[in-house]
């Protein structure tokens, strides 16, 4: 019998292991975000495997971009809803309107 090619999931796992030294060098606060990047790749493993690209890093990066794009869209929609609510005259939950200071901080 001939050898089988590694699956995309195997390639993601192997790439993740190759980046373990990089992760160890990260600050502790950055490691959860680093792990989430590979979670995105695993979430889209079906699409990455279907593509069967010779370099698995490319579908991994597109998977990360896709998830970040979805998150940005969600945040933009939430921000638009908050701005719309404020523009229609509603105050914050505590009843006070926020005013932005000259230095960018929010004051009440």
PDB file of N, CA and C in Angstrom:
ATOM      1  N   UNK A   1       0.833  -1.183   0.000  1.00  0.00           N
ATOM      2  CA  UNK A   1       0.000   0.000   0.000  1.00  0.00           C
ATOM      3  C   UNK A   1       0.875   1.243   0.000  1.00  0.00           C
ATOM      4  N   UNK A   2       0.389   2.270  -0.667  1.00  0.00           N
ATOM      5  CA  UNK A   2       1.116   3.534  -0.734  1.00  0.00           C
ATOM      6  C   UNK A   2       0.872   4.392   0.494  1.00  0.00           C
ATOM      7  N   UNK A   3       1.691   5.412   0.625  1.00  0.00           N
ATOM      8  CA  UNK A   3       1.511   6.342   1.741  1.00  0.00           C
ATOM      9  C   UNK A   3       0.312   7.229   1.474  1.00  0.00           C
ATOM     10  N   UNK A   4      -0.319   7.649   2.535  1.00  0.00           N
ATOM     11  CA  UNK A   4      -1.411   8.606   2.404  1.00  0.00           C
ATOM     12  C   UNK A   4      -0.892   9.993   2.732  1.00  0.00           C
ATOM     13  N   UNK A   5      -1.482  10.979   2.131  1.00  0.00           N
ATOM     14  CA  UNK A   5      -1.119  12.363   2.425  1.00  0.00           C
ATOM     15  C   UNK A   5      -1.711  12.761   3.770  1.00  0.00           C
ATOM     16  N   UNK A   6      -1.011  13.607   4.520  1.00  0.00           N
ATOM     17  CA  UNK A   6      -1.590  14.066   5.782  1.00  0.00           C
ATOM     18  C   UNK A   6      -2.829  14.907   5.511  1.00  0.00           C
ATOM     19  N   UNK A   7      -3.774  14.850   6.421  1.00  0.00           N
ATOM     20  CA  UNK A   7      -4.985  15.646   6.279  1.00  0.00           C
ATOM     21  C   UNK A   7      -4.679  17.098   6.621  1.00  0.00           C
ATOM     22  N   UNK A   8      -5.613  17.961   6.281  1.00  0.00           N
ATOM     23  CA  UNK A   8      -5.464  19.373   6.622  1.00  0.00           C
ATOM     24  C   UNK A   8      -5.395  19.538   8.136  1.00  0.00           C
ATOM     25  N   UNK A   9      -6.228  18.779   8.857  1.00  0.00           N
ATOM     26  CA  UNK A   9      -6.198  18.860  10.318  1.00  0.00           C
ATOM     27  C   UNK A   9      -4.816  18.463  10.856  1.00  0.00           C
ATOM     28  N   UNK A  10      -4.217  17.449  10.251  1.00  0.00           N
ATOM     29  CA  UNK A  10      -2.856  17.054  10.640  1.00  0.00           C
ATOM     30  C   UNK A  10      -1.869  18.186  10.355  1.00  0.00           C
ATOM     31  N   UNK A  11      -2.032  18.840   9.221  1.00  0.00           N
ATOM     32  CA  UNK A  11      -1.142  19.939   8.852  1.00  0.00           C
ATOM     33  C   UNK A  11      -1.296  21.109   9.822  1.00  0.00           C
ATOM     34  N   UNK A  12      -2.531  21.412  10.228  1.00  0.00           N
ATOM     35  CA  UNK A  12      -2.755  22.490  11.197  1.00  0.00           C
ATOM     36  C   UNK A  12      -2.096  22.126  12.520  1.00  0.00           C
ATOM     37  N   UNK A  13      -2.272  20.894  12.949  1.00  0.00           N
ATOM     38  CA  UNK A  13      -1.675  20.427  14.199  1.00  0.00           C
ATOM     39  C   UNK A  13      -0.140  20.527  14.132  1.00  0.00           C
ATOM     40  N   UNK A  14       0.441  20.106  13.018  1.00  0.00           N
ATOM     41  CA  UNK A  14       1.898  20.155  12.867  1.00  0.00           C
ATOM     42  C   UNK A  14       2.401  21.600  12.853  1.00  0.00           C
ATOM     43  N   UNK A  15       1.680  22.472  12.160  1.00  0.00           N
ATOM     44  CA  UNK A  15       2.076  23.879  12.110  1.00  0.00           C
ATOM     45  C   UNK A  15       1.980  24.506  13.497  1.00  0.00           C
ATOM     46  N   UNK A  16       0.942  24.150  14.213  1.00  0.00           N
ATOM     47  CA  UNK A  16       0.765  24.663  15.581  1.00  0.00           C
ATOM     48  C   UNK A  16       1.944  24.234  16.450  1.00  0.00           C
ATOM     49  N   UNK A  17       2.380  22.995  16.304  1.00  0.00           N
ATOM     50  CA  UNK A  17       3.519  22.507  17.087  1.00  0.00           C
ATOM     51  C   UNK A  17       4.806  23.241  16.710  1.00  0.00           C
ATOM     52  N   UNK A  18       4.954  23.566  15.413  1.00  0.00           N
ATOM     53  CA  UNK A  18       6.155  24.298  14.989  1.00  0.00           C
ATOM     54  C   UNK A  18       6.204  25.699  15.571  1.00  0.00           C
ATOM     55  N   UNK A  19       5.048  26.267  15.901  1.00  0.00           N
ATOM     56  CA  UNK A  19       4.981  27.611  16.464  1.00  0.00           C
ATOM     57  C   UNK A  19       4.992  27.606  17.990  1.00  0.00           C
ATOM     58  N   UNK A  20       5.214  26.468  18.604  1.00  0.00           N
ATOM     59  CA  UNK A  20       5.162  26.397  20.069  1.00  0.00           C
ATOM     60  C   UNK A  20       6.274  27.227  20.726  1.00  0.00           C
ATOM     61  N   UNK A  21       7.457  27.294  20.110  1.00  0.00           N
ATOM     62  CA  UNK A  21       8.525  28.135  20.664  1.00  0.00           C
ATOM     63  C   UNK A  21       8.122  29.608  20.637  1.00  0.00           C
ATOM     64  N   UNK A  22       7.477  30.007  19.560  1.00  0.00           N
ATOM     65  CA  UNK A  22       6.985  31.383  19.453  1.00  0.00           C
ATOM     66  C   UNK A  22       5.987  31.663  20.580  1.00  0.00           C
ATOM     67  N   UNK A  23       5.075  30.731  20.801  1.00  0.00           N
ATOM     68  CA  UNK A  23       4.078  30.922  21.858  1.00  0.00           C
ATOM     69  C   UNK A  23       4.737  31.044  23.228  1.00  0.00           C
ATOM     70  N   UNK A  24       5.727  30.200  23.492  1.00  0.00           N
ATOM     71  CA  UNK A  24       6.425  30.260  24.781  1.00  0.00           C
ATOM     72  C   UNK A  24       7.115  31.606  24.984  1.00  0.00           C
ATOM     73  N   UNK A  25       7.530  32.249  23.912  1.00  0.00           N
ATOM     74  CA  UNK A  25       8.208  33.541  24.016  1.00  0.00           C
ATOM     75  C   UNK A  25       7.223  34.704  24.163  1.00  0.00           C
ATOM     76  N   UNK A  26       5.959  34.462  23.906  1.00  0.00           N
ATOM     77  CA  UNK A  26       4.956  35.516  24.040  1.00  0.00           C
ATOM     78  C   UNK A  26       4.738  35.869  25.507  1.00  0.00           C
ATOM     79  N   UNK A  27       4.247  37.044  25.724  1.00  0.00           N
ATOM     80  CA  UNK A  27       3.831  37.422  27.072  1.00  0.00           C
ATOM     81  C   UNK A  27       2.596  36.601  27.430  1.00  0.00           C
ATOM     82  N   UNK A  28       2.464  36.319  28.673  1.00  0.00           N
ATOM     83  CA  UNK A  28       1.376  35.470  29.149  1.00  0.00           C
ATOM     84  C   UNK A  28       0.004  35.993  28.709  1.00  0.00           C
ATOM     85  N   UNK A  29      -0.158  37.293  28.689  1.00  0.00           N
ATOM     86  CA  UNK A  29      -1.461  37.874  28.314  1.00  0.00           C
ATOM     87  C   UNK A  29      -1.788  37.661  26.836  1.00  0.00           C
ATOM     88  N   UNK A  30      -0.772  37.377  25.999  1.00  0.00           N
ATOM     89  CA  UNK A  30      -0.992  37.197  24.569  1.00  0.00           C
ATOM     90  C   UNK A  30      -1.265  35.748  24.164  1.00  0.00           C
ATOM     91  N   UNK A  31      -0.955  34.809  25.038  1.00  0.00           N
ATOM     92  CA  UNK A  31      -1.094  33.404  24.643  1.00  0.00           C
ATOM     93  C   UNK A  31      -2.536  32.975  24.373  1.00  0.00           C
ATOM     94  N   UNK A  32      -3.547  33.453  25.106  1.00  0.00           N
ATOM     95  CA  UNK A  32      -4.917  33.059  24.751  1.00  0.00           C
ATOM     96  C   UNK A  32      -5.312  33.527  23.343  1.00  0.00           C
ATOM     97  N   UNK A  33      -4.898  34.726  22.970  1.00  0.00           N
ATOM     98  CA  UNK A  33      -5.210  35.230  21.631  1.00  0.00           C
ATOM     99  C   UNK A  33      -4.486  34.402  20.568  1.00  0.00           C
ATOM    100  N   UNK A  34      -3.261  34.022  20.849  1.00  0.00           N
ATOM    101  CA  UNK A  34      -2.505  33.187  19.913  1.00  0.00           C
ATOM    102  C   UNK A  34      -3.209  31.849  19.708  1.00  0.00           C
ATOM    103  N   UNK A  35      -3.672  31.253  20.775  1.00  0.00           N
ATOM    104  CA  UNK A  35      -4.371  29.969  20.663  1.00  0.00           C
ATOM    105  C   UNK A  35      -5.680  30.120  19.879  1.00  0.00           C
ATOM    106  N   UNK A  36      -6.358  31.250  20.056  1.00  0.00           N
ATOM    107  CA  UNK A  36      -7.610  31.484  19.304  1.00  0.00           C
ATOM    108  C   UNK A  36      -7.366  31.497  17.800  1.00  0.00           C
ATOM    109  N   UNK A  37      -6.201  31.963  17.370  1.00  0.00           N
ATOM    110  CA  UNK A  37      -5.898  31.963  15.940  1.00  0.00           C
ATOM    111  C   UNK A  37      -5.952  30.547  15.373  1.00  0.00           C
ATOM    112  N   UNK A  38      -5.392  29.607  16.097  1.00  0.00           N
ATOM    113  CA  UNK A  38      -5.414  28.226  15.626  1.00  0.00           C
ATOM    114  C   UNK A  38      -6.794  27.597  15.803  1.00  0.00           C
ATOM    115  N   UNK A  39      -7.562  28.080  16.772  1.00  0.00           N
ATOM    116  CA  UNK A  39      -8.952  27.620  16.890  1.00  0.00           C
ATOM    117  C   UNK A  39      -9.733  28.000  15.637  1.00  0.00           C
ATOM    118  N   UNK A  40      -9.479  29.191  15.117  1.00  0.00           N
ATOM    119  CA  UNK A  40     -10.150  29.618  13.880  1.00  0.00           C
ATOM    120  C   UNK A  40      -9.808  28.678  12.733  1.00  0.00           C
ATOM    121  N   UNK A  41      -8.546  28.293  12.654  1.00  0.00           N
ATOM    122  CA  UNK A  41      -8.127  27.373  11.590  1.00  0.00           C
ATOM    123  C   UNK A  41      -8.832  26.031  11.742  1.00  0.00           C
ATOM    124  N   UNK A  42      -8.953  25.551  12.969  1.00  0.00           N
ATOM    125  CA  UNK A  42      -9.634  24.273  13.193  1.00  0.00           C
ATOM    126  C   UNK A  42     -11.127  24.377  12.904  1.00  0.00           C
ATOM    127  N   UNK A  43     -11.730  25.550  13.175  1.00  0.00           N
ATOM    128  CA  UNK A  43     -13.157  25.741  12.900  1.00  0.00           C
ATOM    129  C   UNK A  43     -13.464  25.650  11.410  1.00  0.00           C
ATOM    130  N   UNK A  44     -12.496  25.989  10.581  1.00  0.00           N
ATOM    131  CA  UNK A  44     -12.691  25.973   9.128  1.00  0.00           C
ATOM    132  C   UNK A  44     -11.895  24.847   8.470  1.00  0.00           C
ATOM    133  N   UNK A  45     -11.652  23.791   9.227  1.00  0.00           N
ATOM    134  CA  UNK A  45     -10.857  22.678   8.719  1.00  0.00           C
ATOM    135  C   UNK A  45     -11.523  21.992   7.526  1.00  0.00           C
ATOM    136  N   UNK A  46     -12.843  21.927   7.501  1.00  0.00           N
ATOM    137  CA  UNK A  46     -13.515  21.299   6.355  1.00  0.00           C
ATOM    138  C   UNK A  46     -13.206  22.057   5.069  1.00  0.00           C
ATOM    139  N   UNK A  47     -13.313  23.388   5.127  1.00  0.00           N
ATOM    140  CA  UNK A  47     -13.029  24.195   3.943  1.00  0.00           C
ATOM    141  C   UNK A  47     -11.550  24.117   3.575  1.00  0.00           C
ATOM    142  N   UNK A  48     -10.677  24.150   4.564  1.00  0.00           N
ATOM    143  CA  UNK A  48      -9.248  24.062   4.306  1.00  0.00           C
ATOM    144  C   UNK A  48      -8.865  22.728   3.696  1.00  0.00           C
ATOM    145  N   UNK A  49      -9.481  21.667   4.181  1.00  0.00           N
ATOM    146  CA  UNK A  49      -9.211  20.347   3.620  1.00  0.00           C
ATOM    147  C   UNK A  49      -9.749  20.203   2.215  1.00  0.00           C
ATOM    148  N   UNK A  50     -10.900  20.810   1.962  1.00  0.00           N
ATOM    149  CA  UNK A  50     -11.498  20.755   0.630  1.00  0.00           C
ATOM    150  C   UNK A  50     -10.635  21.491  -0.386  1.00  0.00           C
ATOM    151  N   UNK A  51     -10.034  22.595   0.043  1.00  0.00           N
ATOM    152  CA  UNK A  51      -9.152  23.361  -0.832  1.00  0.00           C
ATOM    153  C   UNK A  51      -7.902  22.556  -1.192  1.00  0.00           C
ATOM    154  N   UNK A  52      -7.387  21.810  -0.232  1.00  0.00           N
ATOM    155  CA  UNK A  52      -6.226  20.953  -0.459  1.00  0.00           C
ATOM    156  C   UNK A  52      -5.049  21.739  -1.042  1.00  0.00           C
ATOM    157  N   UNK A  53      -4.772  22.887  -0.442  1.00  0.00           N
ATOM    158  CA  UNK A  53      -3.688  23.761  -0.900  1.00  0.00           C
ATOM    159  C   UNK A  53      -2.348  23.146  -0.529  1.00  0.00           C
ATOM    160  N   UNK A  54      -1.359  23.339  -1.388  1.00  0.00           N
ATOM    161  CA  UNK A  54      -0.039  22.764  -1.120  1.00  0.00           C
ATOM    162  C   UNK A  54       0.641  23.384   0.092  1.00  0.00           C
ATOM    163  N   UNK A  55       0.268  24.616   0.439  1.00  0.00           N
ATOM    164  CA  UNK A  55       0.822  25.287   1.616  1.00  0.00           C
ATOM    165  C   UNK A  55      -0.315  25.543   2.598  1.00  0.00           C
ATOM    166  N   UNK A  56      -0.429  24.772   3.684  1.00  0.00           N
ATOM    167  CA  UNK A  56      -1.563  24.893   4.606  1.00  0.00           C
ATOM    168  C   UNK A  56      -1.624  26.230   5.337  1.00  0.00           C
ATOM    169  N   UNK A  57      -0.536  26.980   5.344  1.00  0.00           N
ATOM    170  CA  UNK A  57      -0.562  28.269   6.032  1.00  0.00           C
ATOM    171  C   UNK A  57      -1.565  29.227   5.380  1.00  0.00           C
ATOM    172  N   UNK A  58      -1.715  29.156   4.063  1.00  0.00           N
ATOM    173  CA  UNK A  58      -2.630  30.076   3.381  1.00  0.00           C
ATOM    174  C   UNK A  58      -4.088  29.884   3.811  1.00  0.00           C
ATOM    175  N   UNK A  59      -4.638  28.670   3.808  1.00  0.00           N
ATOM    176  CA  UNK A  59      -6.011  28.533   4.301  1.00  0.00           C
ATOM    177  C   UNK A  59      -6.132  28.829   5.799  1.00  0.00           C
ATOM    178  N   UNK A  60      -5.057  28.608   6.555  1.00  0.00           N
ATOM    179  CA  UNK A  60      -5.097  28.966   7.971  1.00  0.00           C
ATOM    180  C   UNK A  60      -5.261  30.474   8.110  1.00  0.00           C
ATOM    181  N   UNK A  61      -4.468  31.233   7.359  1.00  0.00           N
ATOM    182  CA  UNK A  61      -4.546  32.692   7.441  1.00  0.00           C
ATOM    183  C   UNK A  61      -5.897  33.216   6.959  1.00  0.00           C
ATOM    184  N   UNK A  62      -6.444  32.606   5.917  1.00  0.00           N
ATOM    185  CA  UNK A  62      -7.769  33.028   5.437  1.00  0.00           C
ATOM    186  C   UNK A  62      -8.825  32.701   6.495  1.00  0.00           C
ATOM    187  N   UNK A  63      -8.691  31.577   7.177  1.00  0.00           N
ATOM    188  CA  UNK A  63      -9.622  31.225   8.254  1.00  0.00           C
ATOM    189  C   UNK A  63      -9.575  32.258   9.370  1.00  0.00           C
ATOM    190  N   UNK A  64      -8.381  32.676   9.742  1.00  0.00           N
ATOM    191  CA  UNK A  64      -8.226  33.704  10.774  1.00  0.00           C
ATOM    192  C   UNK A  64      -8.843  35.011  10.291  1.00  0.00           C
ATOM    193  N   UNK A  65      -8.544  35.401   9.049  1.00  0.00           N
ATOM    194  CA  UNK A  65      -9.114  36.634   8.490  1.00  0.00           C
ATOM    195  C   UNK A  65     -10.634  36.579   8.466  1.00  0.00           C
ATOM    196  N   UNK A  66     -11.183  35.444   8.082  1.00  0.00           N
ATOM    197  CA  UNK A  66     -12.634  35.282   8.013  1.00  0.00           C
ATOM    198  C   UNK A  66     -13.266  35.485   9.388  1.00  0.00           C
ATOM    199  N   UNK A  67     -12.705  34.856  10.402  1.00  0.00           N
ATOM    200  CA  UNK A  67     -13.260  35.003  11.747  1.00  0.00           C
ATOM    201  C   UNK A  67     -13.118  36.430  12.269  1.00  0.00           C
ATOM    202  N   UNK A  68     -11.995  37.072  11.965  1.00  0.00           N
ATOM    203  CA  UNK A  68     -11.835  38.453  12.405  1.00  0.00           C
ATOM    204  C   UNK A  68     -12.778  39.385  11.650  1.00  0.00           C
ATOM    205  N   UNK A  69     -13.016  39.103  10.378  1.00  0.00           N
ATOM    206  CA  UNK A  69     -13.971  39.895   9.608  1.00  0.00           C
ATOM    207  C   UNK A  69     -15.382  39.757  10.193  1.00  0.00           C
ATOM    208  N   UNK A  70     -15.750  38.543  10.559  1.00  0.00           N
ATOM    209  CA  UNK A  70     -17.062  38.323  11.176  1.00  0.00           C
ATOM    210  C   UNK A  70     -17.180  39.084  12.495  1.00  0.00           C
ATOM    211  N   UNK A  71     -16.096  39.070  13.271  1.00  0.00           N
ATOM    212  CA  UNK A  71     -16.118  39.769  14.550  1.00  0.00           C
ATOM    213  C   UNK A  71     -16.216  41.281  14.352  1.00  0.00           C
ATOM    214  N   UNK A  72     -15.472  41.807  13.378  1.00  0.00           N
ATOM    215  CA  UNK A  72     -15.560  43.240  13.079  1.00  0.00           C
ATOM    216  C   UNK A  72     -16.972  43.628  12.646  1.00  0.00           C
ATOM    217  N   UNK A  73     -17.570  42.826  11.786  1.00  0.00           N
ATOM    218  CA  UNK A  73     -18.936  43.117  11.344  1.00  0.00           C
ATOM    219  C   UNK A  73     -19.904  43.126  12.511  1.00  0.00           C
ATOM    220  N   UNK A  74     -19.760  42.164  13.420  1.00  0.00           N
ATOM    221  CA  UNK A  74     -20.623  42.112  14.592  1.00  0.00           C
ATOM    222  C   UNK A  74     -20.440  43.352  15.459  1.00  0.00           C
ATOM    223  N   UNK A  75     -19.193  43.735  15.690  1.00  0.00           N
ATOM    224  CA  UNK A  75     -18.923  44.922  16.508  1.00  0.00           C
ATOM    225  C   UNK A  75     -19.434  46.198  15.838  1.00  0.00           C
ATOM    226  N   UNK A  76     -19.298  46.292  14.512  1.00  0.00           N
ATOM    227  CA  UNK A  76     -19.814  47.466  13.796  1.00  0.00           C
ATOM    228  C   UNK A  76     -21.334  47.548  13.900  1.00  0.00           C
ATOM    229  N   UNK A  77     -22.006  46.412  13.806  1.00  0.00           N
ATOM    230  CA  UNK A  77     -23.459  46.406  13.940  1.00  0.00           C
ATOM    231  C   UNK A  77     -23.876  46.808  15.349  1.00  0.00           C
ATOM    232  N   UNK A  78     -23.159  46.299  16.347  1.00  0.00           N
ATOM    233  CA  UNK A  78     -23.479  46.653  17.735  1.00  0.00           C
ATOM    234  C   UNK A  78     -23.224  48.129  17.983  1.00  0.00           C
ATOM    235  N   UNK A  79     -22.129  48.661  17.446  1.00  0.00           N
ATOM    236  CA  UNK A  79     -21.818  50.074  17.609  1.00  0.00           C
ATOM    237  C   UNK A  79     -22.878  50.938  16.930  1.00  0.00           C
ATOM    238  N   UNK A  80     -23.290  50.545  15.733  1.00  0.00           N
ATOM    239  CA  UNK A  80     -24.330  51.294  15.022  1.00  0.00           C
ATOM    240  C   UNK A  80     -25.630  51.307  15.817  1.00  0.00           C
ATOM    241  N   UNK A  81     -25.953  50.186  16.447  1.00  0.00           N
ATOM    242  CA  UNK A  81     -27.173  50.126  17.254  1.00  0.00           C
ATOM    243  C   UNK A  81     -27.081  51.047  18.460  1.00  0.00           C
ATOM    244  N   UNK A  82     -25.917  51.084  19.112  1.00  0.00           N
ATOM    245  CA  UNK A  82     -25.722  51.966  20.266  1.00  0.00           C
ATOM    246  C   UNK A  82     -25.787  53.424  19.823  1.00  0.00           C
ATOM    247  N   UNK A  83     -25.116  53.754  18.714  1.00  0.00           N
ATOM    248  CA  UNK A  83     -25.152  55.130  18.223  1.00  0.00           C
ATOM    249  C   UNK A  83     -26.550  55.543  17.819  1.00  0.00           C
ATOM    250  N   UNK A  84     -27.288  54.649  17.213  1.00  0.00           N
ATOM    251  CA  UNK A  84     -28.673  54.934  16.823  1.00  0.00           C
ATOM    252  C   UNK A  84     -29.539  55.177  18.051  1.00  0.00           C
ATOM    253  N   UNK A  85     -29.319  54.366  19.069  1.00  0.00           N
ATOM    254  CA  UNK A  85     -30.090  54.522  20.306  1.00  0.00           C
ATOM    255  C   UNK A  85     -29.784  55.865  20.959  1.00  0.00           C
ATOM    256  N   UNK A  86     -28.502  56.224  20.987  1.00  0.00           N
ATOM    257  CA  UNK A  86     -28.117  57.513  21.581  1.00  0.00           C
ATOM    258  C   UNK A  86     -28.646  58.688  20.755  1.00  0.00           C
ATOM    259  N   UNK A  87     -28.611  58.550  19.433  1.00  0.00           N
ATOM    260  CA  UNK A  87     -29.093  59.629  18.568  1.00  0.00           C
ATOM    261  C   UNK A  87     -30.589  59.838  18.712  1.00  0.00           C
ATOM    262  N   UNK A  88     -31.306  58.786  19.081  1.00  0.00           N
ATOM    263  CA  UNK A  88     -32.750  58.920  19.228  1.00  0.00           C
ATOM    264  C   UNK A  88     -33.132  59.473  20.593  1.00  0.00           C
ATOM    265  N   UNK A  89     -32.110  59.840  21.402  1.00  0.00           N
ATOM    266  CA  UNK A  89     -32.391  60.536  22.653  1.00  0.00           C
ATOM    267  C   UNK A  89     -32.390  59.669  23.886  1.00  0.00           C
ATOM    268  N   UNK A  90     -32.010  58.430  23.778  1.00  0.00           N
ATOM    269  CA  UNK A  90     -31.950  57.582  24.961  1.00  0.00           C
ATOM    270  C   UNK A  90     -30.656  57.829  25.712  1.00  0.00           C
ATOM    271  N   UNK A  91     -30.743  57.840  27.035  1.00  0.00           N
ATOM    272  CA  UNK A  91     -29.555  58.008  27.875  1.00  0.00           C
ATOM    273  C   UNK A  91     -29.000  56.637  28.236  1.00  0.00           C
ATOM    274  N   UNK A  92     -27.836  56.637  28.864  1.00  0.00           N
ATOM    275  CA  UNK A  92     -27.242  55.388  29.338  1.00  0.00           C
ATOM    276  C   UNK A  92     -28.151  54.732  30.368  1.00  0.00           C
ATOM    277  N   UNK A  93     -27.828  53.514  30.723  1.00  0.00           N
ATOM    278  CA  UNK A  93     -28.622  52.751  31.683  1.00  0.00           C
ATOM    279  C   UNK A  93     -28.719  53.471  33.028  1.00  0.00           C
ATOM    280  N   UNK A  94     -27.684  54.214  33.415  1.00  0.00           N
ATOM    281  CA  UNK A  94     -27.715  54.915  34.695  1.00  0.00           C
ATOM    282  C   UNK A  94     -28.375  56.291  34.572  1.00  0.00           C
ATOM    283  N   UNK A  95     -28.836  56.624  33.369  1.00  0.00           N
ATOM    284  CA  UNK A  95     -29.558  57.870  33.174  1.00  0.00           C
ATOM    285  C   UNK A  95     -28.689  59.060  32.844  1.00  0.00           C
ATOM    286  N   UNK A  96     -27.380  58.882  32.806  1.00  0.00           N
ATOM    287  CA  UNK A  96     -26.481  59.990  32.514  1.00  0.00           C
ATOM    288  C   UNK A  96     -25.987  59.894  31.080  1.00  0.00           C
ATOM    289  N   UNK A  97     -25.866  61.010  30.451  1.00  0.00           N
ATOM    290  CA  UNK A  97     -25.317  61.045  29.092  1.00  0.00           C
ATOM    291  C   UNK A  97     -23.804  61.173  29.199  1.00  0.00           C
ATOM    292  N   UNK A  98     -23.087  60.419  28.380  1.00  0.00           N
ATOM    293  CA  UNK A  98     -21.623  60.502  28.372  1.00  0.00           C
ATOM    294  C   UNK A  98     -21.182  61.599  27.430  1.00  0.00           C
ATOM    295  N   UNK A  99     -20.154  62.346  27.865  1.00  0.00           N
ATOM    296  CA  UNK A  99     -19.577  63.401  27.053  1.00  0.00           C
ATOM    297  C   UNK A  99     -18.109  63.090  26.905  1.00  0.00           C
ATOM    298  N   UNK A 100     -17.601  63.156  25.676  1.00  0.00           N
ATOM    299  CA  UNK A 100     -16.200  62.844  25.450  1.00  0.00           C
ATOM    300  C   UNK A 100     -15.351  64.053  25.765  1.00  0.00           C
ATOM    301  N   UNK A 101     -14.293  63.839  26.585  1.00  0.00           N
ATOM    302  CA  UNK A 101     -13.376  64.914  26.935  1.00  0.00           C
ATOM    303  C   UNK A 101     -12.417  65.154  25.795  1.00  0.00           C
ATOM    304  N   UNK A 102     -11.686  66.270  25.849  1.00  0.00           N
ATOM    305  CA  UNK A 102     -10.740  66.615  24.797  1.00  0.00           C
ATOM    306  C   UNK A 102      -9.648  65.569  24.625  1.00  0.00           C
ATOM    307  N   UNK A 103      -9.281  64.884  25.710  1.00  0.00           N
ATOM    308  CA  UNK A 103      -8.202  63.896  25.607  1.00  0.00           C
ATOM    309  C   UNK A 103      -8.700  62.517  25.209  1.00  0.00           C
ATOM    310  N   UNK A 104      -9.958  62.360  24.848  1.00  0.00           N
ATOM    311  CA  UNK A 104     -10.492  61.089  24.365  1.00  0.00           C
ATOM    312  C   UNK A 104     -11.121  60.246  25.443  1.00  0.00           C
ATOM    313  N   UNK A 105     -10.984  60.645  26.717  1.00  0.00           N
ATOM    314  CA  UNK A 105     -11.615  59.881  27.787  1.00  0.00           C
ATOM    315  C   UNK A 105     -13.084  60.238  27.878  1.00  0.00           C
ATOM    316  N   UNK A 106     -13.875  59.345  28.423  1.00  0.00           N
ATOM    317  CA  UNK A 106     -15.304  59.592  28.564  1.00  0.00           C
ATOM    318  C   UNK A 106     -15.578  60.084  29.976  1.00  0.00           C
ATOM    319  N   UNK A 107     -16.295  61.191  30.054  1.00  0.00           N
ATOM    320  CA  UNK A 107     -16.679  61.741  31.367  1.00  0.00           C
ATOM    321  C   UNK A 107     -18.187  61.710  31.485  1.00  0.00           C
ATOM    322  N   UNK A 108     -18.652  61.682  32.727  1.00  0.00           N
ATOM    323  CA  UNK A 108     -20.103  61.743  32.940  1.00  0.00           C
ATOM    324  C   UNK A 108     -20.483  63.037  33.581  1.00  0.00           C
TER     325      UNK A 108
END
